[in-house]
C-alpha atoms as a PDB file:
ATOM      1  CA  UNK A   1      -8.655 -70.689  77.482  1.00  0.00           C
ATOM      2  CA  UNK A   2     -10.546 -67.190  77.770  1.00  0.00           C
ATOM      3  CA  UNK A   3     -12.068 -64.798  74.894  1.00  0.00           C
ATOM      4  CA  UNK A   4      -9.908 -61.824  73.609  1.00  0.00           C
ATOM      5  CA  UNK A   5     -12.600 -59.632  75.166  1.00  0.00           C
ATOM      6  CA  UNK A   6     -11.495 -60.504  78.570  1.00  0.00           C
ATOM      7  CA  UNK A   7      -7.863 -59.501  77.521  1.00  0.00           C
ATOM      8  CA  UNK A   8      -7.569 -56.235  79.774  1.00  0.00           C
ATOM      9  CA  UNK A   9      -3.925 -54.974  80.340  1.00  0.00           C
ATOM     10  CA  UNK A  10      -0.207 -55.854  79.721  1.00  0.00           C
ATOM     11  CA  UNK A  11      -0.376 -58.561  82.889  1.00  0.00           C
ATOM     12  CA  UNK A  12      -2.462 -60.907  80.302  1.00  0.00           C
ATOM     13  CA  UNK A  13      -0.795 -63.089  76.931  1.00  0.00           C
ATOM     14  CA  UNK A  14      -2.396 -63.581  74.303  1.00  0.00           C
ATOM     15  CA  UNK A  15      -0.847 -66.840  73.224  1.00  0.00           C
ATOM     16  CA  UNK A  16       0.563 -67.149  70.052  1.00  0.00           C
ATOM     17  CA  UNK A  17       1.388 -70.647  68.218  1.00  0.00           C
ATOM     18  CA  UNK A  18       4.726 -71.987  70.181  1.00  0.00           C
ATOM     19  CA  UNK A  19       3.235 -70.789  73.425  1.00  0.00           C
ATOM     20  CA  UNK A  20       0.103 -73.048  72.733  1.00  0.00           C
ATOM     21  CA  UNK A  21       2.688 -75.928  71.807  1.00  0.00           C
ATOM     22  CA  UNK A  22       4.181 -75.139  74.858  1.00  0.00           C
ATOM     23  CA  UNK A  23       0.956 -75.096  76.697  1.00  0.00           C
ATOM     24  CA  UNK A  24      -0.817 -78.293  74.882  1.00  0.00           C
ATOM     25  CA  UNK A  25       0.187 -80.384  78.020  1.00  0.00           C
ATOM     26  CA  UNK A  26      -2.378 -80.740  81.291  1.00  0.00           C
ATOM     27  CA  UNK A  27       0.954 -80.811  83.623  1.00  0.00           C
ATOM     28  CA  UNK A  28       2.009 -77.494  82.407  1.00  0.00           C
ATOM     29  CA  UNK A  29      -1.078 -75.738  82.715  1.00  0.00           C
ATOM     30  CA  UNK A  30      -1.289 -77.330  86.033  1.00  0.00           C
ATOM     31  CA  UNK A  31       2.276 -75.979  86.859  1.00  0.00           C
ATOM     32  CA  UNK A  32       1.245 -72.633  85.259  1.00  0.00           C
ATOM     33  CA  UNK A  33      -1.564 -72.588  87.405  1.00  0.00           C
ATOM     34  CA  UNK A  34      -0.012 -73.333  90.300  1.00  0.00           C
ATOM     35  CA  UNK A  35       2.590 -70.409  90.322  1.00  0.00           C
ATOM     36  CA  UNK A  36      -0.208 -67.844  89.449  1.00  0.00           C
ATOM     37  CA  UNK A  37      -2.173 -68.823  92.297  1.00  0.00           C
ATOM     38  CA  UNK A  38       0.478 -69.222  94.787  1.00  0.00           C
ATOM     39  CA  UNK A  39       3.096 -67.150  93.695  1.00  0.00           C
ATOM     40  CA  UNK A  40       6.941 -68.067  93.188  1.00  0.00           C
ATOM     41  CA  UNK A  41       8.071 -71.772  93.862  1.00  0.00           C
ATOM     42  CA  UNK A  42      10.724 -74.350  92.611  1.00  0.00           C
ATOM     43  CA  UNK A  43      10.842 -77.183  90.869  1.00  0.00           C
ATOM     44  CA  UNK A  44      10.551 -79.038  94.387  1.00  0.00           C
ATOM     45  CA  UNK A  45       7.616 -77.319  95.723  1.00  0.00           C
ATOM     46  CA  UNK A  46       5.671 -77.618  92.433  1.00  0.00           C
ATOM     47  CA  UNK A  47       6.374 -81.664  92.364  1.00  0.00           C
ATOM     48  CA  UNK A  48       5.414 -81.985  95.590  1.00  0.00           C
ATOM     49  CA  UNK A  49       1.955 -79.839  95.019  1.00  0.00           C
ATOM     50  CA  UNK A  50       1.393 -81.795  91.736  1.00  0.00           C
ATOM     51  CA  UNK A  51       2.408 -85.097  92.834  1.00  0.00           C
ATOM     52  CA  UNK A  52       5.074 -85.332  90.449  1.00  0.00           C
ATOM     53  CA  UNK A  53       8.981 -85.887  90.569  1.00  0.00           C
ATOM     54  CA  UNK A  54      11.156 -82.944  90.985  1.00  0.00           C
ATOM     55  CA  UNK A  55      13.342 -83.837  87.444  1.00  0.00           C
ATOM     56  CA  UNK A  56       9.453 -83.993  85.802  1.00  0.00           C
ATOM     57  CA  UNK A  57       8.735 -80.540  87.268  1.00  0.00           C
ATOM     58  CA  UNK A  58      12.076 -79.045  86.546  1.00  0.00           C
ATOM     59  CA  UNK A  59      11.691 -79.884  82.808  1.00  0.00           C
ATOM     60  CA  UNK A  60       8.079 -78.335  82.717  1.00  0.00           C
ATOM     61  CA  UNK A  61       9.252 -75.291  84.186  1.00  0.00           C
ATOM     62  CA  UNK A  62      11.811 -75.329  81.788  1.00  0.00           C
ATOM     63  CA  UNK A  63       9.264 -75.827  78.783  1.00  0.00           C
ATOM     64  CA  UNK A  64       7.163 -73.112  80.252  1.00  0.00           C
ATOM     65  CA  UNK A  65      10.400 -70.698  80.350  1.00  0.00           C
ATOM     66  CA  UNK A  66      11.236 -71.280  76.466  1.00  0.00           C
ATOM     67  CA  UNK A  67       7.978 -70.223  75.931  1.00  0.00           C
ATOM     68  CA  UNK A  68       8.125 -67.001  77.342  1.00  0.00           C
ATOM     69  CA  UNK A  69       5.298 -67.937  80.021  1.00  0.00           C
ATOM     70  CA  UNK A  70       7.147 -68.011  83.321  1.00  0.00           C
ATOM     71  CA  UNK A  71      10.399 -66.144  84.193  1.00  0.00           C
ATOM     72  CA  UNK A  72      12.894 -66.890  86.983  1.00  0.00           C
ATOM     73  CA  UNK A  73      12.299 -64.763  90.356  1.00  0.00           C
ATOM     74  CA  UNK A  74      15.305 -62.202  90.960  1.00  0.00           C
ATOM     75  CA  UNK A  75      17.156 -62.348  94.299  1.00  0.00           C
ATOM     76  CA  UNK A  76      15.765 -65.694  95.515  1.00  0.00           C
ATOM     77  CA  UNK A  77      17.045 -69.339  95.670  1.00  0.00           C
ATOM     78  CA  UNK A  78      20.448 -70.482  95.437  1.00  0.00           C
ATOM     79  CA  UNK A  79      22.683 -71.968  92.850  1.00  0.00           C
ATOM     80  CA  UNK A  80      20.648 -75.278  93.055  1.00  0.00           C
ATOM     81  CA  UNK A  81      17.320 -74.294  93.460  1.00  0.00           C
ATOM     82  CA  UNK A  82      15.862 -71.861  91.083  1.00  0.00           C
ATOM     83  CA  UNK A  83      12.638 -69.910  91.775  1.00  0.00           C
ATOM     84  CA  UNK A  84      10.212 -69.488  88.976  1.00  0.00           C
ATOM     85  CA  UNK A  85       6.901 -67.165  89.043  1.00  0.00           C
ATOM     86  CA  UNK A  86       4.527 -66.438  86.232  1.00  0.00           C
ATOM     87  CA  UNK A  87       5.146 -63.872  83.965  1.00  0.00           C
ATOM     88  CA  UNK A  88       1.480 -63.017  83.158  1.00  0.00           C
ATOM     89  CA  UNK A  89      -1.760 -63.019  85.237  1.00  0.00           C
ATOM     90  CA  UNK A  90      -3.948 -64.588  81.981  1.00  0.00           C
ATOM     91  CA  UNK A  91      -3.757 -66.926  79.006  1.00  0.00           C
ATOM     92  CA  UNK A  92      -5.717 -65.189  76.424  1.00  0.00           C
ATOM     93  CA  UNK A  93      -7.064 -67.439  73.319  1.00  0.00           C
ATOM     94  CA  UNK A  94      -9.533 -66.714  71.340  1.00  0.00           C
ATOM     95  CA  UNK A  95      -9.804 -69.436  68.159  1.00  0.00           C
ATOM     96  CA  UNK A  96     -12.631 -67.590  66.057  1.00  0.00           C
ATOM     97  CA  UNK A  97      -9.589 -64.773  65.849  1.00  0.00           C
ATOM     98  CA  UNK A  98      -6.360 -66.902  65.439  1.00  0.00           C
ATOM     99  CA  UNK A  99      -5.086 -67.417  62.141  1.00  0.00           C
ATOM    100  CA  UNK A 100      -4.928 -71.402  60.546  1.00  0.00           C
ATOM    101  CA  UNK A 101      -1.952 -72.603  62.037  1.00  0.00           C
ATOM    102  CA  UNK A 102      -2.866 -71.136  65.169  1.00  0.00           C
ATOM    103  CA  UNK A 103      -6.214 -72.508  65.330  1.00  0.00           C
ATOM    104  CA  UNK A 104      -4.756 -76.137  64.537  1.00  0.00           C
ATOM    105  CA  UNK A 105      -1.950 -75.785  67.884  1.00  0.00           C
ATOM    106  CA  UNK A 106      -5.434 -74.456  69.612  1.00  0.00           C
ATOM    107  CA  UNK A 107      -7.053 -77.619  69.326  1.00  0.00           C
ATOM    108  CA  UNK A 108      -3.998 -79.179  71.071  1.00  0.00           C
ATOM    109  CA  UNK A 109      -4.214 -76.419  73.794  1.00  0.00           C
ATOM    110  CA  UNK A 110      -8.119 -76.793  74.379  1.00  0.00           C
ATOM    111  CA  UNK A 111      -7.849 -80.260  74.739  1.00  0.00           C
ATOM    112  CA  UNK A 112      -5.272 -80.020  77.620  1.00  0.00           C
ATOM    113  CA  UNK A 113      -7.314 -77.326  79.360  1.00  0.00           C
ATOM    114  CA  UNK A 114     -10.261 -79.490  79.442  1.00  0.00           C
ATOM    115  CA  UNK A 115      -8.315 -82.210  81.259  1.00  0.00           C
ATOM    116  CA  UNK A 116      -6.567 -80.141  83.218  1.00  0.00           C
ATOM    117  CA  UNK A 117      -9.970 -78.659  84.592  1.00  0.00           C
ATOM    118  CA  UNK A 118     -11.241 -81.803  84.783  1.00  0.00           C
ATOM    119  CA  UNK A 119      -8.508 -83.082  87.312  1.00  0.00           C
ATOM    120  CA  UNK A 120      -9.102 -79.341  89.155  1.00  0.00           C
ATOM    121  CA  UNK A 121     -12.552 -80.290  89.934  1.00  0.00           C
ATOM    122  CA  UNK A 122     -12.311 -83.370  90.736  1.00  0.00           C
ATOM    123  CA  UNK A 123      -9.361 -82.339  93.362  1.00  0.00           C
ATOM    124  CA  UNK A 124     -11.691 -79.483  94.272  1.00  0.00           C
ATOM    125  CA  UNK A 125     -14.640 -81.863  95.065  1.00  0.00           C
ATOM    126  CA  UNK A 126     -12.909 -83.938  97.574  1.00  0.00           C
ATOM    127  CA  UNK A 127     -12.435 -80.681  99.744  1.00  0.00           C
ATOM    128  CA  UNK A 128     -16.171 -80.340  99.866  1.00  0.00           C
ATOM    129  CA  UNK A 129     -16.511 -81.617 103.304  1.00  0.00           C
ATOM    130  CA  UNK A 130     -13.979 -79.380 104.668  1.00  0.00           C
ATOM    131  CA  UNK A 131     -15.608 -76.176 103.618  1.00  0.00           C
ATOM    132  CA  UNK A 132     -16.940 -73.677 106.032  1.00  0.00           C
ATOM    133  CA  UNK A 133     -20.607 -73.567 105.902  1.00  0.00           C
ATOM    134  CA  UNK A 134     -20.473 -69.874 104.098  1.00  0.00           C
ATOM    135  CA  UNK A 135     -18.383 -71.403 101.850  1.00  0.00           C
ATOM    136  CA  UNK A 136     -20.459 -74.032 101.228  1.00  0.00           C
ATOM    137  CA  UNK A 137     -23.644 -72.205 100.874  1.00  0.00           C
ATOM    138  CA  UNK A 138     -22.110 -69.976  98.338  1.00  0.00           C
ATOM    139  CA  UNK A 139     -20.207 -72.396  96.332  1.00  0.00           C
ATOM    140  CA  UNK A 140     -21.758 -73.961  93.336  1.00  0.00           C
ATOM    141  CA  UNK A 141     -21.174 -77.201  91.156  1.00  0.00           C
ATOM    142  CA  UNK A 142     -23.663 -76.791  88.745  1.00  0.00           C
ATOM    143  CA  UNK A 143     -24.395 -78.019  84.907  1.00  0.00           C
ATOM    144  CA  UNK A 144     -27.424 -77.030  82.163  1.00  0.00           C
ATOM    145  CA  UNK A 145     -28.276 -78.665  79.281  1.00  0.00           C
ATOM    146  CA  UNK A 146     -29.349 -76.277  76.886  1.00  0.00           C
ATOM    147  CA  UNK A 147     -30.065 -76.067  72.984  1.00  0.00           C
ATOM    148  CA  UNK A 148     -27.831 -73.466  71.024  1.00  0.00           C
ATOM    149  CA  UNK A 149     -26.220 -72.772  67.926  1.00  0.00           C
ATOM    150  CA  UNK A 150     -22.309 -71.828  67.976  1.00  0.00           C
ATOM    151  CA  UNK A 151     -23.451 -68.336  67.411  1.00  0.00           C
ATOM    152  CA  UNK A 152     -25.490 -68.649  70.679  1.00  0.00           C
ATOM    153  CA  UNK A 153     -22.851 -70.183  72.562  1.00  0.00           C
ATOM    154  CA  UNK A 154     -20.604 -66.811  71.433  1.00  0.00           C
ATOM    155  CA  UNK A 155     -23.207 -64.541  72.571  1.00  0.00           C
ATOM    156  CA  UNK A 156     -23.875 -66.119  75.913  1.00  0.00           C
ATOM    157  CA  UNK A 157     -19.839 -66.639  76.252  1.00  0.00           C
ATOM    158  CA  UNK A 158     -19.462 -62.790  76.426  1.00  0.00           C
ATOM    159  CA  UNK A 159     -21.862 -62.217  78.688  1.00  0.00           C
ATOM    160  CA  UNK A 160     -20.565 -64.030  81.051  1.00  0.00           C
ATOM    161  CA  UNK A 161     -17.143 -63.022  80.784  1.00  0.00           C
ATOM    162  CA  UNK A 162     -18.359 -59.222  80.955  1.00  0.00           C
ATOM    163  CA  UNK A 163     -20.016 -60.489  84.237  1.00  0.00           C
ATOM    164  CA  UNK A 164     -16.414 -61.998  85.299  1.00  0.00           C
ATOM    165  CA  UNK A 165     -14.724 -58.403  84.723  1.00  0.00           C
ATOM    166  CA  UNK A 166     -16.707 -56.656  86.713  1.00  0.00           C
ATOM    167  CA  UNK A 167     -15.941 -58.702  89.915  1.00  0.00           C
ATOM    168  CA  UNK A 168     -11.884 -59.202  88.421  1.00  0.00           C
ATOM    169  CA  UNK A 169      -9.533 -57.628  91.338  1.00  0.00           C
ATOM    170  CA  UNK A 170      -6.231 -57.717  92.274  1.00  0.00           C
ATOM    171  CA  UNK A 171      -4.722 -59.484  95.828  1.00  0.00           C
ATOM    172  CA  UNK A 172      -3.849 -55.862  97.213  1.00  0.00           C
ATOM    173  CA  UNK A 173      -7.864 -54.979  96.011  1.00  0.00           C
ATOM    174  CA  UNK A 174      -9.492 -57.733  98.079  1.00  0.00           C
ATOM    175  CA  UNK A 175     -11.940 -56.891 100.550  1.00  0.00           C
ATOM    176  CA  UNK A 176     -11.465 -58.499 103.857  1.00  0.00           C
ATOM    177  CA  UNK A 177     -12.582 -62.318 104.017  1.00  0.00           C
ATOM    178  CA  UNK A 178     -12.104 -62.857 100.207  1.00  0.00           C
ATOM    179  CA  UNK A 179     -10.671 -66.069  99.652  1.00  0.00           C
ATOM    180  CA  UNK A 180      -9.408 -66.972  95.633  1.00  0.00           C
ATOM    181  CA  UNK A 181     -12.148 -68.653  93.943  1.00  0.00           C
ATOM    182  CA  UNK A 182     -11.954 -70.555  90.930  1.00  0.00           C
ATOM    183  CA  UNK A 183     -14.859 -69.989  88.402  1.00  0.00           C
ATOM    184  CA  UNK A 184     -14.742 -72.973  85.750  1.00  0.00           C
ATOM    185  CA  UNK A 185     -17.010 -71.391  82.278  1.00  0.00           C
ATOM    186  CA  UNK A 186     -17.232 -74.815  79.757  1.00  0.00           C
ATOM    187  CA  UNK A 187     -19.989 -74.818  76.861  1.00  0.00           C
ATOM    188  CA  UNK A 188     -19.616 -77.653  74.316  1.00  0.00           C
ATOM    189  CA  UNK A 189     -21.417 -79.679  72.432  1.00  0.00           C
ATOM    190  CA  UNK A 190     -22.687 -82.986  74.429  1.00  0.00           C
ATOM    191  CA  UNK A 191     -20.461 -85.830  73.422  1.00  0.00           C
ATOM    192  CA  UNK A 192     -22.908 -88.373  72.128  1.00  0.00           C
ATOM    193  CA  UNK A 193     -21.112 -89.724  69.826  1.00  0.00           C
ATOM    194  CA  UNK A 194     -22.567 -87.728  66.700  1.00  0.00           C
ATOM    195  CA  UNK A 195     -20.362 -84.739  65.189  1.00  0.00           C
ATOM    196  CA  UNK A 196     -22.259 -81.307  66.104  1.00  0.00           C
ATOM    197  CA  UNK A 197     -23.642 -79.082  63.163  1.00  0.00           C
ATOM    198  CA  UNK A 198     -21.206 -77.361  61.388  1.00  0.00           C
ATOM    199  CA  UNK A 199     -22.713 -74.189  61.260  1.00  0.00           C
ATOM    200  CA  UNK A 200     -25.669 -72.393  62.951  1.00  0.00           C
ATOM    201  CA  UNK A 201     -29.032 -73.594  61.865  1.00  0.00           C
END
């Protein structure tokens, strides 16, 4: 989930209510992320990568296509095997700017994003012992406990996204030695059983 302040071109899509509902499933988010990171793929390949059967992968691909999030790769595959690719570089959802109906759909989407991110982090952690020294030294798995208001979090998020935008570039612009790096940004009230205050102090 990315704030609209990070949107930069027609390569990004502002998620409407229908698209949010399509993406309110961690497996579908995983499928979409896979296509964005690895390029076009088939249901069989997606299933193998994500550990789901091809029938389930095909179902999720069709749902993503119905929401306009992926499209068929032209001139590739056969009648029995369809290739799919992401239609956009990035999905944008800014809850603060969304109308009421979209905000409600956004809650389910945000839940799916959190679940998918947790699964991705778990899988990434399994790769830590295999990282070359230079990547192990540069990688970080950090967390901080801060005492913030919603306004503080909103401002900090905007500052972080501004920094990220300076490092964004396409694969054709990447320097030698560059690798795909996942940067996760999570900011949420600590789940201690007590609801967070409704407004800034």
